[in-house]
Amino acid sequence: MTNKDPLADLSPLSFLQMFVTQSVKLSGLASGAPRHDAIEYLGLTASSCLELYARQQMNLPERIDREHYERLIVYIKNAIGGEFEAVSGAEGEGVVHVVNHRCPFGARVRDAPELCRTTASVFGGIAARNFGYAKVELKRRIALRDDHCEVCIYTDREAAKGQAGDEYVSEGGTVVSRQALADISVRVADKMARALCPSGRGPGAQYRPVIVAESRAMREILRTVEQVAPTRAGVLISGETGVGKEIIARAIHALSSRSAGPFLAVNCGAVPANLIETTLFGHEKGAFTGAHSLHRGLFERADRGTLFLDEIDSLPLFSQANLLRVLQEGEFERVGGEQVRHVDVRVVAAANRPLESLVAAGQFRGDLYYRLNVVPVCIPPLRERPEDVAGLVHHLLATLAQRHGGPAKSLSDRAWGQVMGHGWPGNVRELENVLERVFLFTPGRVIDDVDLRDGSGIAVFHAQAPGAGGTLHAARRRATQTVETRVLQDALERHHGNVTAMAREMGITRRAIHQKLKRYALPAAAYRGDGRTTRRR
């Protein structure tokens, strides 16, 4: 039996699909411009070449009208594998409306949903060159599991007013993109960096925040952050565990006038009910048994800064009244004290459960809810914003290389398929956990398998059942420990306890290997010598 030539089915179209897909993935590995900038540049550059080719094939006049433009973009996309068609008269004057039932990039587009921006920039670039202005709205996308693509191109500024989408204008013969929210993540990260280290020198100078916001939902959230941060309005952040609520809270603080002040965070659900008052408001010496000294609470320490109250839905009712008083009057007393203390603290709160239902059930004060929920920010789960997954993968892999001192690693096509096909019920936290494990235990620079199952073949990462958080967390931890222990034992036996050889094979530092061996009580010396080990299965 002969092996089939892997290039036997390669056509010009499939080569183009593969080339562009890989270019988009690799753009996330390069430093400098954000991924969306690289994709935008790719599409705008291609648009002029594609337009010239299509004009020649279609024998179009030098000056074209909207009907010519509509035929032109449909011809281009269908020539490279799409099934586009125009929708006549659906949106009125000054609007070109097209739909598509087959993506030119094939199934690969679901591994890189940001490829849709090449379509937007091609359509926008051609329209801007011919009409001076365009706004492109991607209404539906096959990349996001819609059954078809739907695109509206507004070539009239009046018709475009109030519509979503990215703008393209012709300035001096050059098409310039004014992406709606496209640079918002970079802008917010820049402001956070300046706030954290205003002088550009000192301990924080090397730290640069990174906010991955490829999806429109996350960019809208960052736009809200920019608008609300300079105000005193209360912000209530909601979303599943692991979606990144604290990052948004830190961004609000960094972009506010309080950025020079402290930012403190507390998980209300992790503080015992009998300690929440002293945690928030402090206590006087002798206030209760064991109070041997004065304790300043979080509100005192966060004065002129921001206090982030995570899982505020876990706050006991008797503490909610005192919290409301601080929010309304800016005053409180320490536990066991009589002196009224005044503070200037901005509170940003977050909840895992819908507070509206808790208010209806009498488990959360309505007046406190309305005080906190002036500006609601809901972060969607990762499964609802697949555009962010690729950007997060690139960012996390780069971070892991720095953290563990190993070489940069990337995902193979097979691994990309596994990552993009997973639902990530644990959101960003789960993604980081999985990537760190495969980063540490994959030899070489290419990760070919992102194993989401334990040794028994049962999926480890699944949606968390209500009330089962502790059990599931423990099961995940045990599964991770079992897999890591087996990998380390196999490597120790294979290399006869040679830590240097293990580090070279796994692509991480000797220090990281020693830390793992210490954690799992695996002495390398026991695997040296005659090759016999004290290994226990």
Protein backbone atom coordinates (compact mmCIF):
# COMPACT_ATOMS: atom_id res chain seq x y z
CA MET A 1 0.00 0.00 0.00
CA THR A 2 1.49 3.33 -1.03
CA ASN A 3 1.08 6.54 0.96
CA LYS A 4 -0.95 9.21 -0.76
CA ASP A 5 0.97 12.34 -1.71
CA PRO A 6 -0.23 15.01 0.76
CA LEU A 7 0.00 17.63 -2.01
CA ALA A 8 -1.96 15.62 -4.55
CA ASP A 9 -5.23 17.46 -3.84
CA LEU A 10 -3.65 20.91 -3.57
CA SER A 11 -5.27 23.37 -5.94
CA PRO A 12 -4.63 27.11 -6.35
CA LEU A 13 -7.78 27.76 -4.34
CA SER A 14 -6.91 25.40 -1.49
CA PHE A 15 -3.40 26.81 -1.43
CA LEU A 16 -4.83 30.34 -1.09
CA GLN A 17 -7.14 29.20 1.68
CA MET A 18 -4.30 27.53 3.57
CA PHE A 19 -1.89 30.44 3.01
CA VAL A 20 -4.27 33.12 4.26
CA THR A 21 -5.42 31.01 7.23
CA GLN A 22 -1.86 30.36 8.34
CA SER A 23 -0.94 34.02 7.81
CA VAL A 24 -3.72 35.04 10.18
CA LYS A 25 -2.57 32.53 12.79
CA LEU A 26 1.06 33.58 12.49
CA SER A 27 0.11 37.25 12.83
CA GLY A 28 -0.69 36.49 16.45
CA LEU A 29 2.87 35.25 17.07
CA ALA A 30 4.57 38.38 15.79
CA SER A 31 5.21 41.28 18.10
CA GLY A 32 4.17 44.77 17.15
CA ALA A 33 0.89 45.36 15.36
CA PRO A 34 -2.24 43.70 16.72
CA ARG A 35 -3.79 40.79 14.83
CA HIS A 36 -6.69 42.86 13.51
CA ASP A 37 -4.23 45.34 11.98
CA ALA A 38 -2.40 42.55 10.14
CA ILE A 39 -5.67 41.13 8.83
CA GLU A 40 -6.90 44.58 7.80
CA TYR A 41 -3.67 45.27 5.93
CA LEU A 42 -3.90 41.91 4.18
CA GLY A 43 -7.46 42.58 2.99
CA LEU A 44 -6.89 46.18 1.87
CA THR A 45 -3.74 45.23 -0.03
CA ALA A 46 -5.53 42.36 -1.75
CA SER A 47 -8.58 44.47 -2.60
CA SER A 48 -6.81 46.59 -5.22
CA CYS A 49 -5.36 43.54 -6.99
CA LEU A 50 -8.66 41.68 -6.89
CA GLU A 51 -10.53 44.72 -8.20
CA LEU A 52 -8.11 45.15 -11.13
CA TYR A 53 -8.39 41.48 -12.07
CA ALA A 54 -12.21 41.45 -11.86
CA ARG A 55 -12.53 44.67 -13.87
CA GLN A 56 -10.52 43.12 -16.70
CA GLN A 57 -12.55 39.91 -16.65
CA MET A 58 -15.89 41.74 -16.49
CA ASN A 59 -14.92 44.53 -18.91
CA LEU A 60 -16.21 47.24 -16.55
CA PRO A 61 -15.97 50.98 -17.29
CA GLU A 62 -13.48 53.14 -15.41
CA ARG A 63 -16.23 54.82 -13.39
CA ILE A 64 -18.65 52.33 -11.88
CA ASP A 65 -21.98 52.76 -10.13
CA ARG A 66 -23.39 50.75 -7.21
CA GLU A 67 -24.87 48.12 -9.50
CA HIS A 68 -21.43 47.57 -11.08
CA TYR A 69 -19.89 47.43 -7.60
CA GLU A 70 -22.42 44.85 -6.45
CA ARG A 71 -21.66 42.60 -9.44
CA LEU A 72 -17.93 43.18 -8.93
CA ILE A 73 -17.72 42.00 -5.31
CA VAL A 74 -19.99 39.02 -5.97
CA TYR A 75 -17.77 38.02 -8.91
CA ILE A 76 -14.59 38.28 -6.83
CA LYS A 77 -15.87 36.22 -3.90
CA ASN A 78 -17.41 33.54 -6.11
CA ALA A 79 -14.22 33.32 -8.17
CA ILE A 80 -12.34 32.24 -5.04
CA GLY A 81 -14.88 29.67 -3.89
CA GLY A 82 -17.86 31.51 -2.41
CA GLU A 83 -21.58 31.35 -3.20
CA PHE A 84 -22.46 35.04 -2.98
CA GLU A 85 -25.56 36.68 -4.38
CA ALA A 86 -27.06 40.15 -4.17
CA VAL A 87 -30.24 40.94 -2.24
CA SER A 88 -32.04 43.60 -4.24
CA GLY A 89 -33.83 46.50 -2.61
CA ALA A 90 -33.68 45.08 0.91
CA GLU A 91 -31.94 48.02 2.57
CA GLY A 92 -32.82 51.04 0.43
CA GLU A 93 -30.69 53.56 -1.43
CA GLY A 94 -26.96 53.81 -0.76
CA VAL A 95 -26.70 50.23 0.51
CA VAL A 96 -25.41 47.07 -1.15
CA HIS A 97 -26.67 43.90 0.51
CA VAL A 98 -25.17 40.46 -0.25
CA VAL A 99 -25.50 36.98 1.24
CA ASN A 100 -23.26 33.94 0.98
CA HIS A 101 -23.88 30.22 1.54
CA ARG A 102 -20.34 28.86 1.23
CA CYS A 103 -17.24 30.39 2.78
CA PRO A 104 -14.29 30.81 0.37
CA PHE A 105 -11.98 29.69 3.20
CA GLY A 106 -13.88 26.46 3.72
CA ALA A 107 -14.06 24.79 7.13
CA ARG A 108 -10.81 26.51 8.15
CA VAL A 109 -12.71 29.73 8.83
CA ARG A 110 -14.07 28.29 12.08
CA ASP A 111 -10.49 27.93 13.32
CA ALA A 112 -9.83 31.61 12.55
CA PRO A 113 -13.11 33.61 12.63
CA GLU A 114 -11.17 36.85 12.27
CA LEU A 115 -10.66 35.91 8.61
CA CYS A 116 -14.06 37.51 8.06
CA ARG A 117 -12.30 40.85 8.38
CA THR A 118 -10.53 40.21 5.11
CA THR A 119 -13.95 40.17 3.45
CA ALA A 120 -14.90 43.42 5.18
CA SER A 121 -11.65 45.13 4.15
CA VAL A 122 -11.86 43.87 0.54
CA PHE A 123 -15.46 45.09 0.19
CA GLY A 124 -14.70 48.34 2.04
CA GLY A 125 -11.48 49.04 0.16
CA ILE A 126 -13.09 48.66 -3.27
CA ALA A 127 -16.11 50.78 -2.28
CA ALA A 128 -13.97 53.55 -0.78
CA ARG A 129 -11.80 53.77 -3.91
CA ASN A 130 -14.83 54.14 -6.14
CA PHE A 131 -17.27 56.11 -3.99
CA GLY A 132 -14.97 57.81 -1.46
CA TYR A 133 -16.66 56.21 1.56
CA ALA A 134 -17.94 52.83 2.81
CA LYS A 135 -19.13 51.25 6.01
CA VAL A 136 -19.18 47.43 6.10
CA GLU A 137 -21.41 45.55 8.51
CA LEU A 138 -21.01 41.78 8.94
CA LYS A 139 -24.52 40.82 10.03
CA ARG A 140 -24.14 37.04 9.94
CA ARG A 141 -21.08 34.81 9.64
CA ILE A 142 -20.57 31.14 8.86
CA ALA A 143 -17.39 31.40 10.97
CA LEU A 144 -19.62 32.00 14.01
CA ARG A 145 -21.84 28.99 13.24
CA ASP A 146 -24.51 30.95 11.35
CA ASP A 147 -25.93 29.02 8.38
CA HIS A 148 -24.94 31.81 5.96
CA CYS A 149 -23.04 35.07 5.73
CA GLU A 150 -24.83 38.40 5.38
CA VAL A 151 -23.02 41.66 4.61
CA CYS A 152 -24.27 45.21 4.18
CA ILE A 153 -22.03 47.82 2.53
CA TYR A 154 -23.17 51.41 3.06
CA THR A 155 -21.72 53.74 0.42
CA ASP A 156 -23.66 56.76 1.58
CA ARG A 157 -22.72 58.47 4.86
CA GLU A 158 -26.33 59.36 5.66
CA ALA A 159 -27.50 55.80 5.14
CA ALA A 160 -24.63 54.59 7.34
CA LYS A 161 -25.51 56.76 10.33
CA GLY A 162 -26.48 54.69 13.35
CA GLN A 163 -25.40 51.45 11.67
CA ALA A 164 -22.74 49.13 13.08
CA GLY A 165 -19.62 48.34 11.07
CA ASP A 166 -16.12 49.41 10.10
CA GLU A 167 -15.59 52.55 7.99
CA TYR A 168 -13.30 52.99 5.00
CA VAL A 169 -12.46 56.33 3.37
CA SER A 170 -10.28 57.38 0.47
CA GLU A 171 -7.74 60.03 1.49
CA GLY A 172 -5.40 61.28 -1.22
CA GLY A 173 -5.88 58.12 -3.27
CA THR A 174 -5.14 55.85 -0.28
CA VAL A 175 -7.84 53.84 1.48
CA VAL A 176 -7.78 54.33 5.24
CA SER A 177 -9.64 52.07 7.64
CA ARG A 178 -11.49 53.54 10.57
CA GLN A 179 -12.46 50.34 12.24
CA ALA A 180 -15.29 50.66 14.67
CA LEU A 181 -13.68 49.77 17.99
CA ALA A 182 -10.82 47.97 16.19
CA ASP A 183 -8.09 49.66 18.18
CA ILE A 184 -10.02 49.84 21.44
CA SER A 185 -8.09 47.02 23.14
CA VAL A 186 -4.75 48.63 22.27
CA ARG A 187 -5.96 52.04 23.42
CA VAL A 188 -7.24 50.69 26.75
CA ALA A 189 -4.04 48.69 27.30
CA ASP A 190 -1.94 51.81 26.58
CA LYS A 191 -3.92 53.83 29.12
CA MET A 192 -3.58 51.06 31.70
CA ALA A 193 0.17 50.89 31.15
CA ARG A 194 0.53 54.67 31.58
CA ALA A 195 -1.58 54.59 34.72
CA LEU A 196 0.39 51.73 36.25
CA CYS A 197 3.75 53.33 35.47
CA PRO A 198 3.31 57.03 34.62
CA SER A 199 7.04 57.77 34.35
CA GLY A 200 7.80 54.78 32.12
CA ARG A 201 10.47 53.80 34.62
CA GLY A 202 10.59 51.79 37.82
CA PRO A 203 9.39 48.30 38.79
CA GLY A 204 6.25 48.42 36.65
CA ALA A 205 7.89 49.75 33.50
CA GLN A 206 8.31 46.31 31.95
CA TYR A 207 4.68 45.33 32.57
CA ARG A 208 2.27 45.96 29.74
CA PRO A 209 -1.35 44.87 30.14
CA VAL A 210 -2.81 42.86 27.29
CA ILE A 211 -6.55 42.76 26.68
CA VAL A 212 -7.66 40.37 23.95
CA ALA A 213 -10.79 41.76 22.32
CA GLU A 214 -11.19 40.39 18.80
CA SER A 215 -14.95 39.95 19.19
CA ARG A 216 -17.39 42.80 18.81
CA ALA A 217 -18.91 41.97 22.21
CA MET A 218 -15.60 42.50 24.02
CA ARG A 219 -14.84 45.66 22.08
CA GLU A 220 -18.23 47.09 23.03
CA ILE A 221 -17.40 46.29 26.66
CA LEU A 222 -14.07 48.13 26.37
CA ARG A 223 -15.83 51.11 24.81
CA THR A 224 -18.18 51.14 27.81
CA VAL A 225 -15.15 50.99 30.12
CA GLU A 226 -13.63 54.03 28.39
CA GLN A 227 -16.85 55.98 28.78
CA VAL A 228 -17.68 55.08 32.37
CA ALA A 229 -14.18 54.95 33.93
CA PRO A 230 -13.75 58.75 34.33
CA THR A 231 -17.13 59.03 36.12
CA ARG A 232 -18.23 58.03 39.63
CA ALA A 233 -21.00 55.75 38.37
CA GLY A 234 -21.35 52.31 39.91
CA VAL A 235 -20.48 49.38 37.64
CA LEU A 236 -21.82 45.86 38.06
CA ILE A 237 -19.95 43.23 36.05
CA SER A 238 -21.70 39.92 35.43
CA GLY A 239 -20.60 36.73 33.73
CA GLU A 240 -19.63 33.14 34.33
CA THR A 241 -16.60 32.18 36.39
CA GLY A 242 -13.34 32.67 34.52
CA VAL A 243 -14.50 35.18 31.87
CA GLY A 244 -12.18 37.95 33.10
CA LYS A 245 -14.29 40.18 35.37
CA GLU A 246 -11.33 41.38 37.45
CA ILE A 247 -9.43 42.47 34.31
CA ILE A 248 -12.35 44.72 33.38
CA ALA A 249 -12.48 46.09 36.93
CA ARG A 250 -8.74 46.87 36.79
CA ALA A 251 -9.24 48.62 33.45
CA ILE A 252 -11.97 50.82 34.96
CA HIS A 253 -9.63 51.78 37.80
CA ALA A 254 -6.63 52.41 35.53
CA LEU A 255 -8.63 54.67 33.19
CA SER A 256 -10.15 56.70 36.02
CA SER A 257 -8.84 59.73 37.94
CA ARG A 258 -8.20 57.31 40.80
CA SER A 259 -5.51 55.39 38.95
CA ALA A 260 -2.77 56.76 41.24
CA GLY A 261 -4.66 55.37 44.24
CA PRO A 262 -4.92 51.76 45.43
CA PHE A 263 -6.85 48.99 43.67
CA LEU A 264 -7.96 46.28 46.09
CA ALA A 265 -9.96 43.15 45.28
CA VAL A 266 -11.79 40.67 47.47
CA ASN A 267 -13.86 37.60 46.67
CA CYS A 268 -16.84 37.92 48.98
CA GLY A 269 -17.69 34.26 48.52
CA ALA A 270 -14.30 33.21 49.90
CA VAL A 271 -14.66 35.17 53.17
CA PRO A 272 -16.53 33.44 56.03
CA ALA A 273 -19.77 35.21 56.97
CA ASN A 274 -18.51 35.99 60.49
CA LEU A 275 -15.41 37.73 59.08
CA ILE A 276 -16.87 39.75 56.20
CA GLU A 277 -17.56 42.84 58.37
CA THR A 278 -14.03 43.03 59.75
CA THR A 279 -12.63 42.31 56.27
CA LEU A 280 -14.51 45.21 54.72
CA PHE A 281 -14.63 47.72 57.60
CA GLY A 282 -11.87 46.63 59.99
CA HIS A 283 -12.06 46.25 63.77
CA GLU A 284 -10.80 47.91 66.92
CA LYS A 285 -8.40 46.25 69.30
CA GLY A 286 -10.38 44.07 71.72
CA ALA A 287 -13.54 44.18 69.58
CA PHE A 288 -13.89 40.41 69.94
CA THR A 289 -11.94 37.43 71.18
CA GLY A 290 -8.69 37.23 69.27
CA ALA A 291 -8.73 40.89 68.17
CA HIS A 292 -5.34 41.63 69.72
CA SER A 293 -4.63 44.64 67.54
CA LEU A 294 -6.38 47.25 65.45
CA HIS A 295 -7.21 46.14 61.89
CA ARG A 296 -7.88 48.54 59.02
CA GLY A 297 -10.44 47.10 56.62
CA LEU A 298 -10.49 47.17 52.85
CA PHE A 299 -12.50 50.38 52.65
CA GLU A 300 -9.94 52.29 54.71
CA ARG A 301 -7.04 50.89 52.69
CA ALA A 302 -8.79 51.63 49.38
CA ASP A 303 -9.40 55.30 50.24
CA ARG A 304 -9.09 57.49 47.09
CA GLY A 305 -8.89 54.31 45.04
CA THR A 306 -11.09 51.45 43.83
CA LEU A 307 -12.44 48.40 45.67
CA PHE A 308 -13.48 45.43 43.56
CA LEU A 309 -16.07 43.23 45.27
CA ASP A 310 -16.21 39.94 43.38
CA GLU A 311 -19.04 37.45 43.90
CA ILE A 312 -21.06 40.13 45.67
CA ASP A 313 -24.03 37.82 45.29
CA SER A 314 -22.49 35.87 48.21
CA LEU A 315 -22.54 38.88 50.57
CA PRO A 316 -24.74 38.23 53.65
CA LEU A 317 -27.83 40.39 54.05
CA PHE A 318 -26.64 41.94 57.33
CA SER A 319 -23.47 43.20 55.56
CA GLN A 320 -25.41 44.58 52.60
CA ALA A 321 -26.92 47.37 54.74
CA ASN A 322 -23.49 48.58 55.87
CA LEU A 323 -22.19 48.42 52.30
CA LEU A 324 -25.13 50.52 51.12
CA ARG A 325 -24.34 53.11 53.79
CA VAL A 326 -20.74 53.44 52.58
CA LEU A 327 -21.87 53.78 48.97
CA GLN A 328 -24.45 56.44 49.81
CA GLU A 329 -22.76 58.40 52.61
CA GLY A 330 -19.10 57.42 52.35
CA GLU A 331 -18.99 56.57 56.07
CA PHE A 332 -18.77 53.54 58.37
CA GLU A 333 -17.51 52.39 61.77
CA ARG A 334 -15.01 49.67 62.46
CA VAL A 335 -16.31 46.57 64.21
CA GLY A 336 -16.28 47.37 67.95
CA GLY A 337 -15.75 51.08 67.30
CA GLU A 338 -17.91 54.17 67.69
CA GLN A 339 -16.00 56.72 65.62
CA VAL A 340 -17.55 57.43 62.24
CA ARG A 341 -14.92 57.23 59.51
CA HIS A 342 -15.17 58.82 56.09
CA VAL A 343 -13.68 57.41 52.91
CA ASP A 344 -13.73 58.16 49.19
CA VAL A 345 -13.84 54.76 47.50
CA ARG A 346 -15.24 53.73 44.17
CA VAL A 347 -16.84 50.28 44.31
CA VAL A 348 -16.91 48.03 41.27
CA ALA A 349 -18.87 44.85 41.89
CA ALA A 350 -19.18 41.52 40.08
CA ALA A 351 -21.62 38.66 40.34
CA ASN A 352 -21.76 35.11 39.02
CA ARG A 353 -25.51 34.83 39.54
CA PRO A 354 -28.21 37.23 38.26
CA LEU A 355 -28.87 39.68 41.10
CA GLU A 356 -32.35 40.44 39.76
CA SER A 357 -33.53 36.96 40.70
CA LEU A 358 -31.86 37.22 44.12
CA VAL A 359 -33.64 40.53 44.72
CA ALA A 360 -36.96 38.91 43.76
CA ALA A 361 -36.24 36.04 46.17
CA GLY A 362 -35.43 38.42 49.01
CA GLN A 363 -31.78 37.32 49.15
CA PHE A 364 -30.32 40.64 47.97
CA ARG A 365 -31.35 44.16 48.84
CA GLY A 366 -33.09 45.97 46.00
CA ASP A 367 -31.77 49.39 47.00
CA LEU A 368 -28.17 48.07 47.02
CA TYR A 369 -28.70 46.41 43.66
CA TYR A 370 -29.87 49.63 42.03
CA ARG A 371 -26.98 51.52 43.63
CA LEU A 372 -24.44 49.07 42.21
CA ASN A 373 -26.07 48.51 38.84
CA VAL A 374 -25.89 52.02 37.38
CA VAL A 375 -23.81 50.71 34.46
CA PRO A 376 -24.21 46.97 33.84
CA VAL A 377 -21.40 45.16 32.01
CA CYS A 378 -22.13 41.59 30.98
CA ILE A 379 -19.13 39.56 29.76
CA PRO A 380 -20.29 36.71 27.51
CA PRO A 381 -18.76 33.25 27.98
CA LEU A 382 -15.92 32.22 25.70
CA ARG A 383 -18.14 29.80 23.77
CA GLU A 384 -20.20 32.80 22.58
CA ARG A 385 -17.18 34.76 21.31
CA PRO A 386 -15.01 32.30 19.38
CA GLU A 387 -13.20 35.20 17.67
CA ASP A 388 -11.39 35.79 20.97
CA VAL A 389 -10.14 32.22 21.33
CA ALA A 390 -7.35 32.45 18.74
CA GLY A 391 -6.07 35.75 20.14
CA LEU A 392 -6.13 34.36 23.67
CA VAL A 393 -4.23 31.25 22.59
CA HIS A 394 -1.45 33.33 21.03
CA HIS A 395 -1.24 35.62 24.05
CA LEU A 396 -1.27 32.77 26.59
CA LEU A 397 1.36 30.75 24.74
CA ALA A 398 3.66 33.79 24.63
CA THR A 399 3.05 34.40 28.34
CA LEU A 400 3.78 30.76 29.18
CA ALA A 401 7.08 30.89 27.27
CA GLN A 402 8.14 33.87 29.39
CA ARG A 403 6.87 32.37 32.63
CA HIS A 404 8.63 29.04 32.25
CA GLY A 405 11.69 30.24 30.37
CA GLY A 406 11.12 27.91 27.42
CA PRO A 407 10.97 28.50 23.67
CA ALA A 408 7.85 29.92 22.03
CA LYS A 409 5.39 27.22 20.97
CA SER A 410 2.50 27.15 18.52
CA LEU A 411 -0.44 24.86 17.74
CA SER A 412 -0.61 22.51 14.78
CA ASP A 413 -3.74 22.45 12.59
CA ARG A 414 -4.96 19.41 14.54
CA ALA A 415 -4.52 21.20 17.86
CA TRP A 416 -6.24 24.32 16.50
CA GLY A 417 -9.23 22.17 15.56
CA GLN A 418 -9.39 20.77 19.11
CA VAL A 419 -9.17 24.23 20.68
CA MET A 420 -11.75 25.86 18.42
CA GLY A 421 -14.13 22.92 18.70
CA HIS A 422 -14.20 22.87 22.52
CA GLY A 423 -16.92 24.71 24.44
CA TRP A 424 -14.62 25.99 27.24
CA PRO A 425 -17.17 25.90 30.08
CA GLY A 426 -14.42 27.14 32.41
CA ASN A 427 -13.81 30.07 30.04
CA VAL A 428 -10.43 31.84 29.93
CA ARG A 429 -9.29 30.24 33.19
CA GLU A 430 -9.84 26.76 31.76
CA LEU A 431 -8.14 27.68 28.49
CA GLU A 432 -5.07 28.92 30.38
CA ASN A 433 -4.99 25.79 32.53
CA VAL A 434 -5.15 23.45 29.54
CA LEU A 435 -2.57 25.38 27.53
CA GLU A 436 -0.12 25.50 30.43
CA ARG A 437 -0.33 21.74 30.86
CA VAL A 438 0.25 20.96 27.18
CA PHE A 439 2.96 23.64 26.99
CA LEU A 440 4.90 22.00 29.80
CA PHE A 441 4.57 18.43 28.59
CA THR A 442 4.89 18.83 24.83
CA PRO A 443 8.46 18.35 23.55
CA GLY A 444 9.52 20.63 20.74
CA ARG A 445 7.96 23.85 19.51
CA VAL A 446 4.72 22.56 17.94
CA ILE A 447 1.81 21.37 20.10
CA ASP A 448 0.00 18.71 18.11
CA ASP A 449 -2.49 17.46 20.68
CA VAL A 450 -4.56 19.43 23.19
CA ASP A 451 -5.86 16.57 25.31
CA LEU A 452 -9.12 17.54 26.99
CA ARG A 453 -9.69 14.10 28.53
CA ASP A 454 -8.28 12.23 31.49
CA GLY A 455 -6.70 8.77 31.41
CA SER A 456 -10.07 6.99 31.57
CA GLY A 457 -11.25 8.68 28.39
CA ILE A 458 -13.93 10.68 30.22
CA ALA A 459 -14.03 14.38 29.48
CA VAL A 460 -12.62 16.31 32.41
CA PHE A 461 -13.85 19.74 31.43
CA HIS A 462 -17.61 19.97 31.26
CA ALA A 463 -20.26 22.43 32.35
CA GLN A 464 -20.33 22.86 36.10
CA ALA A 465 -23.47 21.63 37.78
CA PRO A 466 -25.04 23.89 40.42
CA GLY A 467 -23.76 23.04 43.87
CA ALA A 468 -21.03 20.77 42.53
CA GLY A 469 -18.23 23.34 42.38
CA GLY A 470 -16.03 21.80 45.09
CA THR A 471 -16.32 18.25 43.76
CA LEU A 472 -15.65 19.23 40.18
CA HIS A 473 -12.70 21.41 41.16
CA ALA A 474 -11.18 18.56 43.14
CA ALA A 475 -11.76 16.13 40.27
CA ARG A 476 -10.02 18.47 37.83
CA ARG A 477 -7.08 18.87 40.18
CA ARG A 478 -6.72 15.12 40.71
CA ALA A 479 -6.94 14.44 36.97
CA THR A 480 -4.27 17.05 36.24
CA GLN A 481 -1.99 15.66 38.93
CA THR A 482 -2.43 12.11 37.62
CA VAL A 483 -1.55 13.07 34.05
CA GLU A 484 1.44 15.20 35.04
CA THR A 485 2.78 12.53 37.40
CA ARG A 486 2.62 9.86 34.69
CA VAL A 487 4.36 12.09 32.15
CA LEU A 488 7.13 12.92 34.62
CA GLN A 489 7.59 9.30 35.65
CA ASP A 490 7.85 8.19 32.03
CA ALA A 491 10.42 10.91 31.29
CA LEU A 492 12.44 10.09 34.42
CA GLU A 493 12.58 6.43 33.47
CA ARG A 494 13.39 7.16 29.83
CA HIS A 495 16.25 9.52 30.71
CA HIS A 496 17.37 7.65 33.88
CA GLY A 497 16.74 10.69 36.07
CA ASN A 498 18.69 13.13 33.87
CA VAL A 499 16.86 16.42 34.51
CA THR A 500 18.80 18.27 31.81
CA ALA A 501 17.73 15.75 29.18
CA MET A 502 14.11 15.95 30.40
CA ALA A 503 14.12 19.74 30.17
CA ARG A 504 15.56 19.60 26.64
CA GLU A 505 12.93 17.10 25.51
CA MET A 506 10.02 19.00 27.04
CA GLY A 507 11.24 22.43 25.94
CA ILE A 508 11.22 23.94 29.45
CA THR A 509 13.89 24.93 31.98
CA ARG A 510 15.61 22.61 34.46
CA ARG A 511 14.16 24.77 37.23
CA ALA A 512 10.62 24.11 36.02
CA ILE A 513 11.33 20.35 35.96
CA HIS A 514 12.73 20.45 39.51
CA GLN A 515 9.64 22.34 40.70
CA LYS A 516 7.35 19.70 39.20
CA LEU A 517 9.38 16.84 40.65
CA LYS A 518 9.29 18.45 44.09
CA ARG A 519 5.55 19.03 43.86
CA TYR A 520 4.84 15.37 43.11
CA ALA A 521 7.56 13.94 45.38
CA LEU A 522 9.46 12.30 42.51
CA PRO A 523 13.20 12.23 43.39
CA ALA A 524 15.26 12.16 40.19
CA ALA A 525 18.06 10.32 42.04
CA ALA A 526 15.82 7.26 42.42
CA TYR A 527 15.83 6.84 38.63
CA ARG A 528 19.58 7.01 38.17
CA GLY A 529 22.24 4.33 38.41
CA ASP A 530 21.35 0.89 37.09
CA GLY A 531 18.10 2.07 35.57
CA ARG A 532 15.93 0.32 38.14
CA THR A 533 13.51 2.68 39.83
CA THR A 534 11.28 2.81 42.85
CA ARG A 535 8.47 3.96 40.59
CA ARG A 536 4.94 3.07 41.68
CA ARG A 537 2.09 2.90 39.23
